Structure formats: C-alpha cells, structure tokens
Amino acid sequence: MQNYAIVEIGAKENKFMSNLEGKVAVITGGSSGIGLATAKRLANDGAFVFITGRRQSEIDAAIAVIGEKAFGVQGDVSNLADLDRLYEIVKEKKGKIDILFANAGGGEFAKLGEISEQHFDTIFGNNVKGLLFTVQKALPIFNEEGSIILNASTAASSGFESFSVYSASKAAVRSFARSWMMDLKDKKIRVNAVSPGPIETPAINGLAEDEEQAKQFKDSFVSLIPLGRIGQPEEVASAVAFLASNESSFINGSEIFTDGGMNQY
C-alpha cells in the first residue's frame, strides 16, 4: 500500500500526492530481486529511479517493467570507475540524489578451512568495498535531509554454517549505518539498514546447485521462521520505501529486520 499525504491546492480542493513525489532515488543491483521490487515501489510512490546492474539485458527488461520514471546504468559496484560514471549520469540528468538504496551484493558458501582468497575478495569487494564507495561517491550530489538505506542481512547477527565471510561482510554493513549517521549528521542525512531474512529471489536460488536443492534449502528455512514462509521482495521493498520517506523522519542508524521473525527469538 502506498503512503499518501493530503495537500491543499489553493482554497478549493485537496489532492492526494505520493510521499516521494519529486524525489530522485538510486538503487544499485536494481535489475532483479529486492532491488527491482524496490525500484518499482519507489517509482510508484512518485520518485524518479536510477537502477544499476551488471547485465544490460536485465537492466533493459527491468526498465520496461518499471516504466518511464526509471533509467538504467550498466555497471559493477566493485568497479570505482563504474560508480563515477553512474553519478555523472545522475548529475547530468537530475542534478541531485534524495534516496540511495545500496543494495548490490551477493554471497556464496565456503566452510572455514576451505575459504579461498578469491572467495573473500569477491564477497568483501561487492558487499563492503562496493557499498562503501557507492555511498561515498554519491555524497557530492546528495540533498540535505536525504535518506540512505543499506542492504544488510539477518546473517550479520546469526551464525550459519559455511557462510562466515558473507555474514562478516553484512556485519560491516550494519556497522556502517551506525557510523555514517554520525559522519553525515551535519547534513541531516539519515542512514539506516534493512536486514532481510530468506527472500524469494534469484540470489537465494543461485546458492543452490539445482532446483531441487534450492527447494530443500528454502524449506529448511521455513521451519525457522515464525510466519512459516519465505519472504517476498515486495515486503522488503515496503520497508525500504518507509525508510526512504518522511514517515521515518526520526529513525536514524537503525536496523529493520524483514525476516518473518526468524532472528527475533
């Protein structure tokens, strides 16, 4: 459900307007899964949305779904030149950013004793280095009183077998939210984290070797979730939209769990 505010027009009529009307949002990893669901939600709520992704074909398909209030930029967040190009395009087309959802990232399994340097560098390159510079390089065109949302994970506060590097990278993301709200307090830019549990996305399916293993993997999570089901990308998007809006104007440095209660007992 969208959030709306009643705005008085002259003295004659009232009009419903989306609470993100006129805002400019950037969403990394916005061509699928949680990123795409969030891009659709923010665009529906009135924002103009820039999305990034590694594959141009997926970006094109996403833009076709989101509509005219979106623009796609191909790139990899772990490549700083790609980030520079992204923000040059945003500056040229809109001149500002009001909302940033640093969403791009990923993970894979590796048990302690089998962790390779490449495994570590890939996950920390995307989830930590990429996220850090996604935020830092946005700051020159970031509006005061804007909102930055970081995509963390329930894995940051729970232990999962063979998932230690991913979990550590997401713990760093959670820590960034606390520290950066202090760094940005003079500009009154809020920084919060959203921490999804198991969500029905291509990423969670990609952790498995085949469709049957993916089903077993997700079924194993269901028994740990009080709501008894896997979450949907749109449910995370609703939390991000809330943190992006003025409805969350006094929430800062916080973490919102979208996990069906999985990490709450």
Protein backbone atom coordinates (compact mmCIF):
# COMPACT_ATOMS: atom_id res chain seq x y z
CA MET A 1 0.00 0.00 0.00
CA GLN A 2 1.34 3.44 -0.90
CA ASN A 3 1.63 6.23 1.64
CA TYR A 4 -0.14 9.43 0.69
CA ALA A 5 -0.39 12.92 2.10
CA ILE A 6 -3.27 15.32 1.56
CA VAL A 7 -2.03 18.57 0.06
CA GLU A 8 -4.18 21.69 -0.09
CA ILE A 9 -4.37 23.27 -3.54
CA GLY A 10 -5.44 26.92 -3.16
CA ALA A 11 -8.58 27.05 -1.05
CA LYS A 12 -10.78 24.97 -3.29
CA GLU A 13 -9.59 21.39 -3.47
CA ASN A 14 -7.47 18.67 -1.92
CA LYS A 15 -5.24 16.36 -3.88
CA PHE A 16 -3.59 13.06 -2.98
CA MET A 17 0.13 13.03 -3.79
CA SER A 18 2.67 10.28 -3.31
CA ASN A 19 5.06 10.97 -0.44
CA LEU A 20 8.10 10.54 -2.74
CA GLU A 21 6.86 12.90 -5.44
CA GLY A 22 9.79 14.82 -6.93
CA LYS A 23 12.44 12.71 -5.21
CA VAL A 24 15.39 11.15 -7.05
CA ALA A 25 16.46 7.66 -6.00
CA VAL A 26 19.46 5.48 -6.88
CA ILE A 27 19.25 1.72 -6.40
CA THR A 28 22.26 -0.48 -7.01
CA GLY A 29 21.52 -4.03 -8.06
CA GLY A 30 18.12 -2.80 -9.20
CA SER A 31 17.54 -5.11 -12.15
CA SER A 32 16.23 -8.13 -10.20
CA GLY A 33 15.06 -9.40 -6.83
CA ILE A 34 14.82 -6.96 -3.93
CA GLY A 35 16.36 -4.14 -5.95
CA LEU A 36 13.83 -4.42 -8.76
CA ALA A 37 10.89 -4.70 -6.35
CA THR A 38 12.13 -1.58 -4.56
CA ALA A 39 12.63 0.35 -7.80
CA LYS A 40 9.05 -0.44 -8.80
CA ARG A 41 7.75 0.60 -5.38
CA LEU A 42 9.65 3.91 -5.24
CA ALA A 43 8.64 4.79 -8.80
CA ASN A 44 5.01 4.02 -7.95
CA ASP A 45 5.39 6.28 -4.91
CA GLY A 46 6.46 9.16 -7.15
CA ALA A 47 10.27 9.03 -7.24
CA PHE A 48 12.43 9.00 -10.34
CA VAL A 49 14.66 5.95 -10.03
CA PHE A 50 18.11 5.17 -11.39
CA ILE A 51 18.99 1.47 -11.27
CA THR A 52 22.27 -0.32 -11.84
CA GLY A 53 23.12 -3.89 -12.77
CA ARG A 54 25.91 -5.85 -14.37
CA ARG A 55 23.96 -7.12 -17.38
CA GLN A 56 22.44 -4.68 -19.85
CA SER A 57 19.76 -7.16 -20.95
CA GLU A 58 18.45 -7.42 -17.39
CA ILE A 59 18.52 -3.64 -16.98
CA ASP A 60 16.52 -3.19 -20.18
CA ALA A 61 13.94 -5.74 -19.01
CA ALA A 62 13.68 -4.04 -15.62
CA ILE A 63 13.18 -0.58 -17.12
CA ALA A 64 10.41 -1.99 -19.31
CA VAL A 65 8.66 -3.18 -16.13
CA ILE A 66 9.25 -0.06 -14.03
CA GLY A 67 8.25 2.42 -16.73
CA GLU A 68 9.13 5.95 -17.70
CA LYS A 69 10.15 7.02 -14.18
CA ALA A 70 13.33 4.93 -14.34
CA PHE A 71 16.72 4.97 -16.04
CA GLY A 72 19.25 2.15 -16.13
CA VAL A 73 23.04 2.33 -15.94
CA GLN A 74 25.12 -0.79 -16.54
CA GLY A 75 27.96 -1.26 -14.08
CA ASP A 76 29.62 -3.15 -11.24
CA VAL A 77 29.68 -1.51 -7.79
CA SER A 78 33.09 -3.00 -7.04
CA ASN A 79 34.49 -1.04 -10.02
CA LEU A 80 35.01 2.55 -8.90
CA ALA A 81 35.08 3.85 -12.47
CA ASP A 82 31.59 2.41 -12.99
CA LEU A 83 30.39 4.25 -9.89
CA ASP A 84 31.89 7.51 -11.16
CA ARG A 85 30.07 7.05 -14.45
CA LEU A 86 26.79 6.30 -12.64
CA TYR A 87 26.89 9.53 -10.65
CA GLU A 88 27.97 11.59 -13.64
CA ILE A 89 24.83 10.38 -15.41
CA VAL A 90 22.64 11.08 -12.36
CA LYS A 91 24.11 14.56 -12.02
CA GLU A 92 23.64 15.31 -15.72
CA LYS A 93 20.03 14.10 -15.83
CA LYS A 94 18.67 15.12 -12.41
CA GLY A 95 21.39 17.07 -10.59
CA LYS A 96 20.70 15.53 -7.18
CA ILE A 97 20.01 12.43 -5.13
CA ASP A 98 17.43 12.25 -2.34
CA ILE A 99 17.39 8.50 -1.73
CA LEU A 100 20.09 5.86 -2.08
CA PHE A 101 19.43 2.15 -1.62
CA ALA A 102 22.86 0.47 -1.57
CA ASN A 103 21.52 -2.95 -2.40
CA ALA A 104 24.01 -4.66 -4.73
CA GLY A 105 25.90 -7.59 -3.27
CA GLY A 106 25.93 -11.32 -3.02
CA GLY A 107 27.26 -14.39 -1.30
CA GLU A 108 28.28 -17.99 -1.68
CA PHE A 109 29.09 -20.85 0.65
CA ALA A 110 32.60 -21.73 1.84
CA LYS A 111 33.40 -23.60 5.04
CA LEU A 112 36.24 -22.49 7.31
CA GLY A 113 39.29 -24.40 6.11
CA GLU A 114 38.12 -24.13 2.50
CA ILE A 115 37.88 -20.32 2.15
CA SER A 116 39.97 -19.01 -0.73
CA GLU A 117 41.40 -15.56 -1.18
CA GLN A 118 39.21 -15.12 -4.25
CA HIS A 119 36.10 -16.02 -2.24
CA PHE A 120 36.96 -13.42 0.38
CA ASP A 121 37.93 -10.71 -2.13
CA THR A 122 34.78 -11.19 -4.22
CA ILE A 123 32.35 -11.01 -1.30
CA PHE A 124 34.06 -8.14 0.52
CA GLY A 125 34.67 -6.37 -2.80
CA ASN A 126 30.95 -6.32 -3.57
CA ASN A 127 29.35 -6.16 -0.13
CA VAL A 128 31.79 -3.88 1.70
CA LYS A 129 34.10 -2.01 -0.69
CA GLY A 130 31.40 -1.61 -3.33
CA LEU A 131 28.80 -0.45 -0.82
CA LEU A 132 31.20 1.98 0.86
CA PHE A 133 32.13 3.73 -2.37
CA THR A 134 28.54 3.59 -3.62
CA VAL A 135 27.65 5.82 -0.68
CA GLN A 136 30.78 7.98 -0.56
CA LYS A 137 30.75 8.84 -4.27
CA ALA A 138 27.07 9.85 -4.05
CA LEU A 139 27.66 12.49 -1.37
CA PRO A 140 28.64 15.46 -3.60
CA ILE A 141 25.15 15.48 -5.15
CA PHE A 142 23.20 14.18 -2.15
CA ASN A 143 20.49 16.50 -0.86
CA GLU A 144 20.45 17.52 2.77
CA GLU A 145 17.87 15.60 4.82
CA GLY A 146 18.05 12.75 2.34
CA SER A 147 17.89 9.05 3.18
CA ILE A 148 20.49 6.31 2.69
CA ILE A 149 19.38 2.71 3.13
CA LEU A 150 21.93 -0.10 3.29
CA ASN A 151 21.01 -3.69 2.50
CA ALA A 152 22.42 -5.78 5.34
CA SER A 153 21.16 -9.25 6.32
CA THR A 154 19.96 -11.34 9.23
CA ALA A 155 23.21 -13.28 8.64
CA ALA A 156 25.04 -10.36 10.27
CA SER A 157 23.64 -11.31 13.67
CA SER A 158 23.29 -15.10 13.32
CA GLY A 159 25.66 -17.93 12.62
CA PHE A 160 25.15 -20.07 9.51
CA GLU A 161 27.38 -22.95 8.51
CA SER A 162 29.75 -22.22 5.59
CA PHE A 163 28.52 -18.62 5.38
CA SER A 164 31.02 -16.83 7.62
CA VAL A 165 32.55 -14.47 5.05
CA TYR A 166 29.16 -13.32 3.81
CA SER A 167 27.94 -12.87 7.40
CA ALA A 168 31.03 -10.84 8.31
CA SER A 169 30.55 -8.61 5.27
CA LYS A 170 26.97 -7.87 6.28
CA ALA A 171 28.03 -7.17 9.87
CA ALA A 172 30.30 -4.49 8.38
CA VAL A 173 27.31 -3.04 6.53
CA ARG A 174 25.32 -2.83 9.76
CA SER A 175 28.24 -1.07 11.42
CA PHE A 176 28.45 1.42 8.55
CA ALA A 177 24.89 2.58 9.26
CA ARG A 178 25.76 3.47 12.85
CA SER A 179 28.99 5.25 11.97
CA TRP A 180 27.82 7.08 8.88
CA MET A 181 24.81 8.62 10.59
CA MET A 182 27.36 10.42 12.75
CA ASP A 183 29.54 11.41 9.80
CA LEU A 184 26.51 12.85 7.98
CA LYS A 185 24.72 14.46 10.91
CA ASP A 186 25.59 18.00 9.78
CA LYS A 187 23.73 17.42 6.50
CA LYS A 188 20.89 15.69 8.37
CA ILE A 189 21.17 12.71 6.06
CA ARG A 190 19.69 9.63 7.71
CA VAL A 191 21.43 6.27 7.33
CA ASN A 192 19.59 3.05 8.16
CA ALA A 193 19.90 -0.63 7.34
CA VAL A 194 17.31 -3.14 6.26
CA SER A 195 18.14 -6.76 7.11
CA PRO A 196 16.19 -9.32 5.09
CA GLY A 197 15.85 -12.93 6.07
CA PRO A 198 15.29 -15.61 3.41
CA ILE A 199 13.57 -13.89 0.46
CA GLU A 200 12.29 -15.47 -2.75
CA THR A 201 14.83 -14.00 -5.19
CA PRO A 202 17.18 -15.23 -7.94
CA ALA A 203 20.02 -14.76 -5.44
CA ILE A 204 18.70 -17.31 -2.95
CA ASN A 205 18.06 -19.77 -5.76
CA GLY A 206 21.58 -19.14 -7.05
CA LEU A 207 23.07 -20.51 -3.83
CA ALA A 208 21.86 -23.99 -4.80
CA GLU A 209 23.23 -26.32 -7.44
CA ASP A 210 19.84 -27.19 -8.91
CA GLU A 211 16.11 -26.57 -8.48
CA GLU A 212 15.61 -29.47 -6.08
CA GLN A 213 18.43 -28.33 -3.82
CA ALA A 214 17.03 -24.80 -3.89
CA LYS A 215 13.66 -26.11 -2.70
CA GLN A 216 15.28 -28.10 0.12
CA PHE A 217 17.36 -25.08 1.07
CA LYS A 218 14.30 -22.81 1.32
CA ASP A 219 12.21 -25.46 3.08
CA SER A 220 14.89 -25.71 5.76
CA PHE A 221 14.49 -22.01 6.45
CA VAL A 222 10.70 -22.17 6.72
CA SER A 223 10.93 -24.19 9.95
CA LEU A 224 12.97 -21.33 11.47
CA ILE A 225 10.54 -18.56 10.51
CA PRO A 226 7.58 -17.96 12.87
CA LEU A 227 5.42 -16.81 9.96
CA GLY A 228 6.08 -20.18 8.32
CA ARG A 229 7.10 -18.96 4.86
CA ILE A 230 9.84 -17.37 2.78
CA GLY A 231 9.55 -13.61 2.33
CA GLN A 232 8.79 -11.79 -0.91
CA PRO A 233 10.91 -8.99 -2.45
CA GLU A 234 7.96 -6.61 -2.25
CA GLU A 235 7.90 -7.00 1.53
CA VAL A 236 11.48 -5.78 1.78
CA ALA A 237 10.67 -3.01 -0.70
CA SER A 238 7.94 -1.76 1.64
CA ALA A 239 10.47 -1.42 4.46
CA VAL A 240 12.89 0.44 2.18
CA ALA A 241 10.11 2.76 0.99
CA PHE A 242 9.28 3.55 4.60
CA LEU A 243 12.91 4.37 5.40
CA ALA A 244 13.12 6.49 2.23
CA SER A 245 10.08 8.57 3.16
CA ASN A 246 9.40 11.30 5.68
CA GLU A 247 7.28 8.77 7.58
CA SER A 248 10.58 7.58 9.09
CA SER A 249 11.99 11.07 9.69
CA PHE A 250 13.15 10.31 13.27
CA ILE A 251 14.64 6.89 12.52
CA ASN A 252 18.40 7.02 12.11
CA GLY A 253 21.22 4.47 12.45
CA SER A 254 18.65 1.73 12.91
CA GLU A 255 18.15 -1.75 11.53
CA ILE A 256 14.79 -3.00 10.33
CA PHE A 257 14.53 -6.79 10.17
CA THR A 258 12.35 -8.15 7.36
CA ASP A 259 12.68 -11.76 8.35
CA GLY A 260 9.27 -13.02 9.42
CA GLY A 261 10.59 -13.13 13.00
CA MET A 262 13.46 -15.51 12.22
CA ASN A 263 16.08 -13.55 14.17
CA GLN A 264 13.81 -12.32 16.92
CA TYR A 265 13.80 -15.30 19.30
